[in-house]
C-alpha cells in the first residue's frame, strides 16, 4: 500500500494540524502523569506505567496478560517479564492462572498495588475524570472512533517499518534535502 499523500508536503488544514498538536500534547501530558505516578509510588516510570495498566485492566473487568501488557507498554516480552518480577517482589502485582488453560497467565494488582494506584488517581485524576464526565455520549463516541482509527494507522505504519530502517550519515541527509 503506497502513501496517498506525502505527509511532509501535504497542505494540512489548520484543524488537522490542531488535532496532531492536541494528540502530541495529550501524549506528553500522559507521560508526565506516569512520571508523577512513579514518584508517588517510588517506582521507575516504566514500572509505574505497568502498574497503572494492570490496575486499570482489572478495574474494567478485563485483566491483562503479560504479552498484552508488553504490547501496551511498547516493550519486549523479556523486558516486561523482568518488570513484572520487580512488581511482584514489591507486592504490587500477582500472576494468576484463572483460565481452564493453566498455561494462560493473568495479571492482577494486589490490594497494596491497587491502593497505590487509587491514591494517586484520587489525588491527580480529578481534572481528567471531570472532563470525561462532562462529555456527552456522542462526543465520547466520536473521539473514541477517531482515536481507534489513528491507533490503527499508527499500527499499520509500525508494521510496515521493520526491515526498512536505514542508517544515513549526516551528509546523506544533507544531500537529500532539496535546494
N, C-alpha and C. Protein backbone atom coordinates (compact mmCIF):
# COMPACT_ATOMS: atom_id res chain seq x y z
N UNK A 1 0.84 -1.18 0.00
CA UNK A 1 0.00 0.00 0.00
C UNK A 1 0.88 1.24 0.00
N UNK A 2 0.76 2.10 -0.98
CA UNK A 2 1.54 3.31 -1.07
C UNK A 2 0.90 4.44 -0.29
N UNK A 3 1.68 5.46 -0.07
CA UNK A 3 1.16 6.62 0.63
C UNK A 3 0.22 7.40 -0.29
N UNK A 4 -0.90 7.80 0.22
CA UNK A 4 -1.84 8.61 -0.54
C UNK A 4 -1.28 10.02 -0.67
N UNK A 5 -0.75 10.54 0.40
CA UNK A 5 -0.19 11.88 0.43
C UNK A 5 1.16 11.83 1.12
N UNK A 6 2.08 12.65 0.67
CA UNK A 6 3.36 12.79 1.35
C UNK A 6 3.13 13.70 2.55
N UNK A 7 3.26 13.17 3.76
CA UNK A 7 2.95 13.98 4.95
C UNK A 7 3.78 15.25 5.07
N UNK A 8 4.97 15.27 4.45
CA UNK A 8 5.81 16.45 4.57
C UNK A 8 5.44 17.55 3.59
N UNK A 9 4.79 17.19 2.49
CA UNK A 9 4.43 18.21 1.50
C UNK A 9 2.93 18.45 1.42
N UNK A 10 2.16 17.66 2.13
CA UNK A 10 0.70 17.82 2.17
C UNK A 10 0.34 19.19 2.73
N UNK A 11 -0.61 19.85 2.11
CA UNK A 11 -1.15 21.09 2.67
C UNK A 11 -2.20 20.70 3.70
N UNK A 12 -1.85 20.84 4.97
CA UNK A 12 -2.75 20.44 6.05
C UNK A 12 -3.69 21.58 6.40
N UNK A 13 -4.93 21.23 6.68
CA UNK A 13 -5.89 22.21 7.18
C UNK A 13 -5.50 22.58 8.61
N UNK A 14 -5.79 23.77 9.04
CA UNK A 14 -5.48 24.16 10.43
C UNK A 14 -6.10 23.19 11.45
N UNK A 15 -7.31 22.69 11.15
CA UNK A 15 -7.97 21.76 12.07
C UNK A 15 -7.19 20.44 12.17
N UNK A 16 -6.61 20.00 11.06
CA UNK A 16 -5.82 18.76 11.07
C UNK A 16 -4.53 18.95 11.87
N UNK A 17 -3.90 20.08 11.67
CA UNK A 17 -2.69 20.39 12.43
C UNK A 17 -3.01 20.50 13.92
N UNK A 18 -4.14 21.13 14.23
CA UNK A 18 -4.55 21.27 15.64
C UNK A 18 -4.78 19.91 16.28
N UNK A 19 -5.35 18.96 15.53
CA UNK A 19 -5.58 17.61 16.06
C UNK A 19 -4.24 16.95 16.38
N UNK A 20 -3.29 17.02 15.45
CA UNK A 20 -2.00 16.39 15.68
C UNK A 20 -1.27 17.03 16.87
N UNK A 21 -1.38 18.34 16.99
CA UNK A 21 -0.77 19.02 18.13
C UNK A 21 -1.46 18.63 19.44
N UNK A 22 -2.78 18.49 19.42
CA UNK A 22 -3.51 18.09 20.62
C UNK A 22 -3.16 16.65 21.01
N UNK A 23 -3.01 15.77 20.02
CA UNK A 23 -2.62 14.39 20.32
C UNK A 23 -1.22 14.35 20.93
N UNK A 24 -0.32 15.15 20.38
CA UNK A 24 1.03 15.23 20.95
C UNK A 24 0.98 15.74 22.38
N UNK A 25 0.21 16.80 22.60
CA UNK A 25 0.11 17.37 23.94
C UNK A 25 -0.46 16.37 24.94
N UNK A 26 -1.47 15.58 24.51
CA UNK A 26 -2.04 14.55 25.39
C UNK A 26 -0.98 13.51 25.70
N UNK A 27 -0.24 13.06 24.68
CA UNK A 27 0.80 12.04 24.89
C UNK A 27 1.85 12.54 25.88
N UNK A 28 2.26 13.78 25.74
CA UNK A 28 3.25 14.36 26.65
C UNK A 28 2.67 14.47 28.06
N UNK A 29 1.43 14.94 28.16
CA UNK A 29 0.79 15.06 29.47
C UNK A 29 0.60 13.72 30.16
N UNK A 30 0.21 12.71 29.38
CA UNK A 30 0.03 11.37 29.93
C UNK A 30 1.37 10.79 30.39
N UNK A 31 2.43 11.01 29.61
CA UNK A 31 3.76 10.55 30.01
C UNK A 31 4.20 11.24 31.30
N UNK A 32 3.88 12.52 31.40
CA UNK A 32 4.23 13.25 32.62
C UNK A 32 3.46 12.71 33.83
N UNK A 33 2.18 12.38 33.63
CA UNK A 33 1.41 11.77 34.72
C UNK A 33 2.02 10.44 35.14
N UNK A 34 2.49 9.64 34.18
CA UNK A 34 3.15 8.37 34.52
C UNK A 34 4.43 8.61 35.31
N UNK A 35 5.15 9.67 34.95
CA UNK A 35 6.35 10.03 35.70
C UNK A 35 5.98 10.38 37.15
N UNK A 36 4.91 11.16 37.31
CA UNK A 36 4.46 11.51 38.67
C UNK A 36 3.97 10.28 39.42
N UNK A 37 3.29 9.37 38.73
CA UNK A 37 2.88 8.12 39.38
C UNK A 37 4.10 7.37 39.89
N UNK A 38 5.16 7.35 39.09
CA UNK A 38 6.39 6.70 39.53
C UNK A 38 6.95 7.34 40.79
N UNK A 39 6.98 8.66 40.82
CA UNK A 39 7.49 9.35 42.01
C UNK A 39 6.57 9.10 43.21
N UNK A 40 5.26 9.09 42.95
CA UNK A 40 4.27 8.88 44.02
C UNK A 40 4.46 7.50 44.65
N UNK A 41 4.71 6.50 43.81
CA UNK A 41 4.82 5.12 44.29
C UNK A 41 6.26 4.70 44.59
N UNK A 42 7.23 5.54 44.22
CA UNK A 42 8.63 5.18 44.42
C UNK A 42 9.11 4.16 43.41
N UNK A 43 8.44 4.09 42.27
CA UNK A 43 8.80 3.14 41.22
C UNK A 43 9.42 3.85 40.02
N UNK A 44 10.23 3.13 39.24
CA UNK A 44 10.64 3.70 37.95
C UNK A 44 9.39 3.96 37.11
N UNK A 45 9.45 4.93 36.22
CA UNK A 45 8.29 5.32 35.43
C UNK A 45 7.70 4.13 34.66
N UNK A 46 8.55 3.29 34.07
CA UNK A 46 8.02 2.15 33.31
C UNK A 46 7.26 1.18 34.21
N UNK A 47 7.76 0.98 35.43
CA UNK A 47 7.08 0.09 36.37
C UNK A 47 5.75 0.70 36.82
N UNK A 48 5.76 2.01 37.07
CA UNK A 48 4.52 2.69 37.47
C UNK A 48 3.49 2.63 36.36
N UNK A 49 3.92 2.82 35.11
CA UNK A 49 3.02 2.73 33.97
C UNK A 49 2.42 1.32 33.91
N UNK A 50 3.25 0.31 34.09
CA UNK A 50 2.76 -1.07 34.06
C UNK A 50 1.75 -1.31 35.18
N UNK A 51 2.06 -0.84 36.38
CA UNK A 51 1.12 -1.00 37.49
C UNK A 51 -0.21 -0.33 37.15
N UNK A 52 -0.16 0.87 36.61
CA UNK A 52 -1.38 1.56 36.22
C UNK A 52 -2.17 0.78 35.18
N UNK A 53 -1.49 0.19 34.21
CA UNK A 53 -2.15 -0.61 33.18
C UNK A 53 -2.82 -1.85 33.79
N UNK A 54 -2.13 -2.51 34.70
CA UNK A 54 -2.67 -3.72 35.34
C UNK A 54 -3.89 -3.36 36.19
N UNK A 55 -3.80 -2.28 36.95
CA UNK A 55 -4.92 -1.86 37.79
C UNK A 55 -6.10 -1.46 36.91
N UNK A 56 -5.86 -0.65 35.88
CA UNK A 56 -6.95 -0.19 35.01
C UNK A 56 -7.65 -1.38 34.36
N UNK A 57 -6.87 -2.33 33.85
CA UNK A 57 -7.45 -3.51 33.19
C UNK A 57 -8.30 -4.31 34.18
N UNK A 58 -7.80 -4.51 35.39
CA UNK A 58 -8.55 -5.28 36.39
C UNK A 58 -9.82 -4.53 36.79
N UNK A 59 -9.72 -3.22 36.97
CA UNK A 59 -10.89 -2.42 37.36
C UNK A 59 -11.96 -2.44 36.28
N UNK A 60 -11.54 -2.53 35.01
CA UNK A 60 -12.51 -2.54 33.92
C UNK A 60 -13.06 -3.93 33.64
N UNK A 61 -12.61 -4.93 34.42
CA UNK A 61 -13.12 -6.28 34.27
C UNK A 61 -12.46 -7.09 33.16
N UNK A 62 -11.36 -6.60 32.64
CA UNK A 62 -10.65 -7.30 31.56
C UNK A 62 -9.16 -7.39 31.92
N UNK A 63 -8.83 -8.24 32.89
CA UNK A 63 -7.42 -8.34 33.30
C UNK A 63 -6.51 -8.64 32.11
N UNK A 64 -5.31 -8.16 32.19
CA UNK A 64 -4.36 -8.22 31.08
C UNK A 64 -3.38 -9.38 31.27
N UNK A 65 -2.92 -9.94 30.17
CA UNK A 65 -1.88 -10.97 30.20
C UNK A 65 -0.52 -10.29 30.10
N UNK A 66 0.56 -10.98 30.45
CA UNK A 66 1.89 -10.38 30.29
C UNK A 66 2.18 -9.96 28.84
N UNK A 67 1.78 -10.77 27.86
CA UNK A 67 2.04 -10.43 26.46
C UNK A 67 1.27 -9.18 26.05
N UNK A 68 0.02 -9.08 26.48
CA UNK A 68 -0.77 -7.88 26.14
C UNK A 68 -0.22 -6.65 26.84
N UNK A 69 0.24 -6.82 28.08
CA UNK A 69 0.86 -5.71 28.79
C UNK A 69 2.11 -5.24 28.04
N UNK A 70 2.91 -6.18 27.56
CA UNK A 70 4.11 -5.82 26.80
C UNK A 70 3.74 -4.96 25.60
N UNK A 71 2.69 -5.35 24.87
CA UNK A 71 2.25 -4.56 23.71
C UNK A 71 1.78 -3.17 24.14
N UNK A 72 1.03 -3.11 25.23
CA UNK A 72 0.53 -1.81 25.71
C UNK A 72 1.68 -0.88 26.12
N UNK A 73 2.74 -1.47 26.65
CA UNK A 73 3.87 -0.67 27.12
C UNK A 73 4.89 -0.39 26.02
N UNK A 74 4.77 -1.11 24.89
CA UNK A 74 5.76 -0.96 23.84
C UNK A 74 7.09 -1.56 24.22
N UNK A 75 7.06 -2.64 25.00
CA UNK A 75 8.28 -3.29 25.47
C UNK A 75 8.31 -4.73 24.95
N UNK A 76 9.50 -5.31 24.96
CA UNK A 76 9.62 -6.72 24.59
C UNK A 76 9.02 -7.56 25.72
N UNK A 77 8.67 -8.80 25.40
CA UNK A 77 8.12 -9.68 26.43
C UNK A 77 9.17 -9.98 27.50
N UNK A 78 10.45 -10.08 27.09
CA UNK A 78 11.52 -10.33 28.06
C UNK A 78 11.66 -9.19 29.05
N UNK A 79 11.67 -7.96 28.54
CA UNK A 79 11.77 -6.79 29.43
C UNK A 79 10.54 -6.69 30.32
N UNK A 80 9.38 -7.04 29.79
CA UNK A 80 8.15 -7.00 30.59
C UNK A 80 8.19 -8.05 31.69
N UNK A 81 8.75 -9.21 31.41
CA UNK A 81 8.88 -10.25 32.44
C UNK A 81 9.73 -9.74 33.59
N UNK A 82 10.86 -9.09 33.29
CA UNK A 82 11.71 -8.54 34.35
C UNK A 82 10.98 -7.47 35.14
N UNK A 83 10.24 -6.61 34.44
CA UNK A 83 9.46 -5.57 35.09
C UNK A 83 8.41 -6.20 36.03
N UNK A 84 7.71 -7.22 35.54
CA UNK A 84 6.69 -7.89 36.37
C UNK A 84 7.32 -8.58 37.57
N UNK A 85 8.50 -9.14 37.40
CA UNK A 85 9.21 -9.75 38.53
C UNK A 85 9.45 -8.71 39.62
N UNK A 86 9.84 -7.50 39.22
CA UNK A 86 10.06 -6.42 40.22
C UNK A 86 8.76 -6.06 40.92
N UNK A 87 7.68 -5.89 40.14
CA UNK A 87 6.40 -5.52 40.74
C UNK A 87 5.88 -6.62 41.66
N UNK A 88 6.12 -7.86 41.28
CA UNK A 88 5.68 -8.98 42.12
C UNK A 88 6.48 -9.02 43.42
N UNK A 89 7.79 -8.82 43.35
CA UNK A 89 8.63 -8.81 44.55
C UNK A 89 8.22 -7.70 45.52
N UNK A 90 7.73 -6.59 44.97
CA UNK A 90 7.30 -5.47 45.81
C UNK A 90 5.87 -5.62 46.31
N UNK A 91 5.22 -6.73 45.94
CA UNK A 91 3.87 -6.98 46.41
C UNK A 91 2.81 -6.13 45.75
N UNK A 92 3.05 -5.69 44.52
CA UNK A 92 2.10 -4.81 43.83
C UNK A 92 1.25 -5.54 42.80
N UNK A 93 1.76 -6.63 42.24
CA UNK A 93 1.09 -7.38 41.18
C UNK A 93 1.24 -8.86 41.44
N UNK A 94 0.22 -9.63 41.04
CA UNK A 94 0.27 -11.09 41.12
C UNK A 94 0.00 -11.68 39.74
N UNK A 95 0.69 -12.76 39.45
CA UNK A 95 0.38 -13.54 38.25
C UNK A 95 -0.53 -14.66 38.70
N UNK A 96 -1.61 -14.88 37.95
CA UNK A 96 -2.51 -15.97 38.33
C UNK A 96 -2.93 -16.75 37.10
N UNK A 97 -3.30 -17.99 37.32
CA UNK A 97 -3.78 -18.87 36.24
C UNK A 97 -5.24 -19.15 36.52
N UNK A 98 -6.10 -18.30 35.95
CA UNK A 98 -7.53 -18.35 36.24
C UNK A 98 -8.32 -19.10 35.18
N UNK A 99 -7.72 -19.32 34.05
CA UNK A 99 -8.40 -19.92 32.91
C UNK A 99 -8.36 -21.44 33.01
N UNK A 100 -9.23 -22.10 32.24
CA UNK A 100 -9.17 -23.57 32.14
C UNK A 100 -7.83 -23.98 31.55
N UNK A 101 -7.25 -23.14 30.70
CA UNK A 101 -5.92 -23.37 30.16
C UNK A 101 -4.92 -22.84 31.18
N UNK A 102 -4.33 -23.72 31.96
CA UNK A 102 -3.46 -23.33 33.07
C UNK A 102 -2.17 -22.67 32.59
N UNK A 103 -1.91 -22.70 31.28
CA UNK A 103 -0.72 -22.02 30.76
C UNK A 103 -0.97 -20.53 30.62
N UNK A 104 -2.21 -20.13 30.57
CA UNK A 104 -2.56 -18.72 30.39
C UNK A 104 -2.45 -17.97 31.71
N UNK A 105 -1.64 -16.93 31.71
CA UNK A 105 -1.39 -16.15 32.92
C UNK A 105 -2.14 -14.82 32.83
N UNK A 106 -2.77 -14.46 33.93
CA UNK A 106 -3.49 -13.19 34.04
C UNK A 106 -2.79 -12.37 35.12
N UNK A 107 -2.70 -11.07 34.89
CA UNK A 107 -2.09 -10.18 35.87
C UNK A 107 -3.17 -9.48 36.67
N UNK A 108 -2.97 -9.46 37.97
CA UNK A 108 -3.91 -8.79 38.88
C UNK A 108 -3.12 -7.92 39.85
N UNK A 109 -3.65 -6.75 40.17
CA UNK A 109 -3.00 -5.95 41.21
C UNK A 109 -3.30 -6.56 42.57
N UNK A 110 -2.35 -6.46 43.46
CA UNK A 110 -2.62 -6.83 44.84
C UNK A 110 -3.41 -5.68 45.47
N UNK A 111 -3.90 -5.88 46.67
CA UNK A 111 -4.59 -4.77 47.36
C UNK A 111 -3.64 -3.60 47.55
N UNK A 112 -2.37 -3.90 47.87
CA UNK A 112 -1.37 -2.84 48.05
C UNK A 112 -1.16 -2.09 46.73
N UNK A 113 -1.03 -2.82 45.63
CA UNK A 113 -0.85 -2.19 44.32
C UNK A 113 -2.05 -1.35 43.93
N UNK A 114 -3.23 -1.89 44.16
CA UNK A 114 -4.46 -1.16 43.85
C UNK A 114 -4.54 0.11 44.70
N UNK A 115 -4.20 0.02 45.97
CA UNK A 115 -4.25 1.18 46.86
C UNK A 115 -3.26 2.26 46.42
N UNK A 116 -2.06 1.84 45.98
CA UNK A 116 -1.07 2.81 45.49
C UNK A 116 -1.62 3.58 44.29
N UNK A 117 -2.16 2.86 43.33
CA UNK A 117 -2.69 3.49 42.11
C UNK A 117 -3.92 4.34 42.42
N UNK A 118 -4.81 3.82 43.24
CA UNK A 118 -6.02 4.57 43.58
C UNK A 118 -5.70 5.85 44.33
N UNK A 119 -4.74 5.80 45.23
CA UNK A 119 -4.35 7.00 45.96
C UNK A 119 -3.86 8.09 45.02
N UNK A 120 -3.07 7.69 44.03
CA UNK A 120 -2.57 8.66 43.06
C UNK A 120 -3.71 9.22 42.21
N UNK A 121 -4.55 8.33 41.68
CA UNK A 121 -5.65 8.77 40.80
C UNK A 121 -6.62 9.66 41.57
N UNK A 122 -6.89 9.33 42.83
CA UNK A 122 -7.80 10.16 43.62
C UNK A 122 -7.24 11.57 43.78
N UNK A 123 -5.92 11.68 43.87
CA UNK A 123 -5.31 12.99 44.04
C UNK A 123 -5.10 13.70 42.70
N UNK A 124 -4.61 12.97 41.69
CA UNK A 124 -4.18 13.60 40.44
C UNK A 124 -5.17 13.47 39.29
N UNK A 125 -6.16 12.62 39.42
CA UNK A 125 -7.03 12.36 38.28
C UNK A 125 -8.34 13.11 38.24
N UNK A 126 -8.52 14.05 39.13
CA UNK A 126 -9.83 14.72 39.22
C UNK A 126 -10.16 15.52 37.96
N UNK A 127 -9.17 16.20 37.38
CA UNK A 127 -9.43 17.01 36.18
C UNK A 127 -9.79 16.13 34.99
N UNK A 128 -9.09 15.02 34.83
CA UNK A 128 -9.38 14.11 33.72
C UNK A 128 -10.76 13.49 33.91
N UNK A 129 -11.06 13.07 35.13
CA UNK A 129 -12.38 12.49 35.40
C UNK A 129 -13.49 13.50 35.14
N UNK A 130 -13.28 14.75 35.54
CA UNK A 130 -14.29 15.79 35.32
C UNK A 130 -14.50 16.03 33.83
N UNK A 131 -13.43 15.99 33.05
CA UNK A 131 -13.54 16.18 31.61
C UNK A 131 -14.32 15.04 30.98
N UNK A 132 -14.04 13.80 31.39
CA UNK A 132 -14.77 12.66 30.85
C UNK A 132 -16.25 12.72 31.22
N UNK A 133 -16.53 13.05 32.46
CA UNK A 133 -17.91 13.10 32.93
C UNK A 133 -18.70 14.21 32.22
N UNK A 134 -18.02 15.30 31.87
CA UNK A 134 -18.72 16.42 31.24
C UNK A 134 -19.02 16.19 29.76
N UNK A 135 -18.38 15.21 29.15
CA UNK A 135 -18.63 14.93 27.72
C UNK A 135 -19.88 14.07 27.57
N UNK A 136 -20.66 14.36 26.53
CA UNK A 136 -21.85 13.53 26.30
C UNK A 136 -21.46 12.28 25.50
N UNK A 137 -22.38 11.35 25.42
CA UNK A 137 -22.12 10.06 24.79
C UNK A 137 -21.72 10.21 23.32
N UNK A 138 -22.33 11.14 22.59
CA UNK A 138 -21.99 11.34 21.17
C UNK A 138 -20.56 11.84 21.02
N UNK A 139 -20.18 12.78 21.86
CA UNK A 139 -18.81 13.31 21.80
C UNK A 139 -17.80 12.21 22.11
N UNK A 140 -18.07 11.42 23.16
CA UNK A 140 -17.17 10.33 23.52
C UNK A 140 -17.08 9.29 22.40
N UNK A 141 -18.21 8.97 21.78
CA UNK A 141 -18.21 8.00 20.68
C UNK A 141 -17.39 8.52 19.50
N UNK A 142 -17.54 9.81 19.17
CA UNK A 142 -16.79 10.39 18.05
C UNK A 142 -15.29 10.38 18.35
N UNK A 143 -14.91 10.77 19.55
CA UNK A 143 -13.50 10.79 19.92
C UNK A 143 -12.93 9.36 19.93
N UNK A 144 -13.67 8.43 20.49
CA UNK A 144 -13.22 7.03 20.53
C UNK A 144 -13.02 6.48 19.13
N UNK A 145 -13.97 6.72 18.26
CA UNK A 145 -13.84 6.24 16.87
C UNK A 145 -12.63 6.84 16.18
N UNK A 146 -12.44 8.14 16.32
CA UNK A 146 -11.30 8.80 15.70
C UNK A 146 -9.98 8.26 16.26
N UNK A 147 -9.89 8.13 17.58
CA UNK A 147 -8.65 7.63 18.19
C UNK A 147 -8.39 6.18 17.79
N UNK A 148 -9.42 5.37 17.64
CA UNK A 148 -9.22 4.00 17.17
C UNK A 148 -8.66 4.00 15.76
N UNK A 149 -9.15 4.87 14.89
CA UNK A 149 -8.62 4.95 13.52
C UNK A 149 -7.17 5.44 13.53
N UNK A 150 -6.85 6.39 14.37
CA UNK A 150 -5.46 6.87 14.48
C UNK A 150 -4.55 5.76 15.02
N UNK A 151 -5.05 4.98 15.97
CA UNK A 151 -4.27 3.87 16.51
C UNK A 151 -4.03 2.82 15.43
N UNK A 152 -5.04 2.52 14.63
CA UNK A 152 -4.89 1.58 13.52
C UNK A 152 -3.89 2.10 12.50
N UNK A 153 -3.92 3.40 12.22
CA UNK A 153 -2.98 3.99 11.26
C UNK A 153 -1.55 3.89 11.79
N UNK A 154 -1.36 4.17 13.07
CA UNK A 154 -0.03 4.05 13.67
C UNK A 154 0.44 2.60 13.65
N UNK A 155 -0.47 1.67 13.95
CA UNK A 155 -0.11 0.24 13.92
C UNK A 155 0.28 -0.19 12.52
N UNK A 156 -0.43 0.30 11.51
CA UNK A 156 -0.09 -0.05 10.12
C UNK A 156 1.29 0.50 9.76
N UNK A 157 1.57 1.73 10.15
CA UNK A 157 2.89 2.32 9.87
C UNK A 157 3.98 1.54 10.60
N UNK A 158 3.73 1.19 11.87
CA UNK A 158 4.73 0.43 12.63
C UNK A 158 4.94 -0.96 12.03
N UNK A 159 3.90 -1.58 11.53
CA UNK A 159 4.04 -2.90 10.92
C UNK A 159 4.82 -2.83 9.61
N UNK A 160 4.74 -1.72 8.91
CA UNK A 160 5.42 -1.56 7.64
C UNK A 160 6.90 -1.26 7.82
N UNK A 161 7.32 -0.74 8.96
CA UNK A 161 8.68 -0.24 9.14
C UNK A 161 9.77 -1.28 9.36
N UNK A 162 9.56 -2.35 10.10
CA UNK A 162 10.69 -3.27 10.33
C UNK A 162 11.32 -3.74 9.02
N UNK A 163 12.65 -3.67 8.98
CA UNK A 163 13.39 -4.06 7.79
C UNK A 163 13.58 -2.93 6.81
N UNK A 164 12.92 -1.80 7.05
CA UNK A 164 13.06 -0.67 6.14
C UNK A 164 13.89 0.46 6.76
N UNK A 165 14.41 0.23 7.95
CA UNK A 165 15.24 1.25 8.56
C UNK A 165 16.56 1.31 7.80
N UNK A 166 17.12 2.46 7.78
CA UNK A 166 18.44 2.58 7.18
C UNK A 166 19.23 3.61 7.97
N UNK A 167 20.49 3.35 8.05
CA UNK A 167 21.37 4.28 8.74
C UNK A 167 21.91 5.23 7.69
N UNK A 168 21.70 6.50 7.94
CA UNK A 168 22.16 7.51 6.99
C UNK A 168 23.13 8.44 7.69
N UNK A 169 24.16 8.79 7.00
CA UNK A 169 25.10 9.76 7.55
C UNK A 169 24.49 11.14 7.45
N UNK A 170 25.02 12.08 8.18
CA UNK A 170 24.52 13.45 8.11
C UNK A 170 24.72 14.02 6.72
N UNK A 171 25.76 13.57 6.02
CA UNK A 171 25.98 14.04 4.62
C UNK A 171 24.86 13.53 3.72
N UNK A 172 24.47 12.26 3.89
CA UNK A 172 23.37 11.71 3.08
C UNK A 172 22.07 12.46 3.34
N UNK A 173 21.84 12.82 4.57
CA UNK A 173 20.64 13.57 4.92
C UNK A 173 20.71 14.94 4.25
N UNK A 174 21.85 15.60 4.34
CA UNK A 174 22.00 16.93 3.75
C UNK A 174 21.86 16.86 2.23
N UNK A 175 22.38 15.80 1.62
CA UNK A 175 22.28 15.65 0.17
C UNK A 175 20.87 15.38 -0.29
N UNK A 176 20.01 14.85 0.59
CA UNK A 176 18.65 14.50 0.20
C UNK A 176 17.68 15.66 0.34
N UNK A 177 18.11 16.76 0.94
CA UNK A 177 17.24 17.92 1.12
C UNK A 177 17.25 18.74 -0.16
N UNK A 178 16.08 19.02 -0.72
CA UNK A 178 16.04 19.83 -1.96
C UNK A 178 16.58 21.23 -1.73
N UNK A 179 17.18 21.83 -2.75
CA UNK A 179 17.77 23.19 -2.58
C UNK A 179 16.68 24.23 -2.35
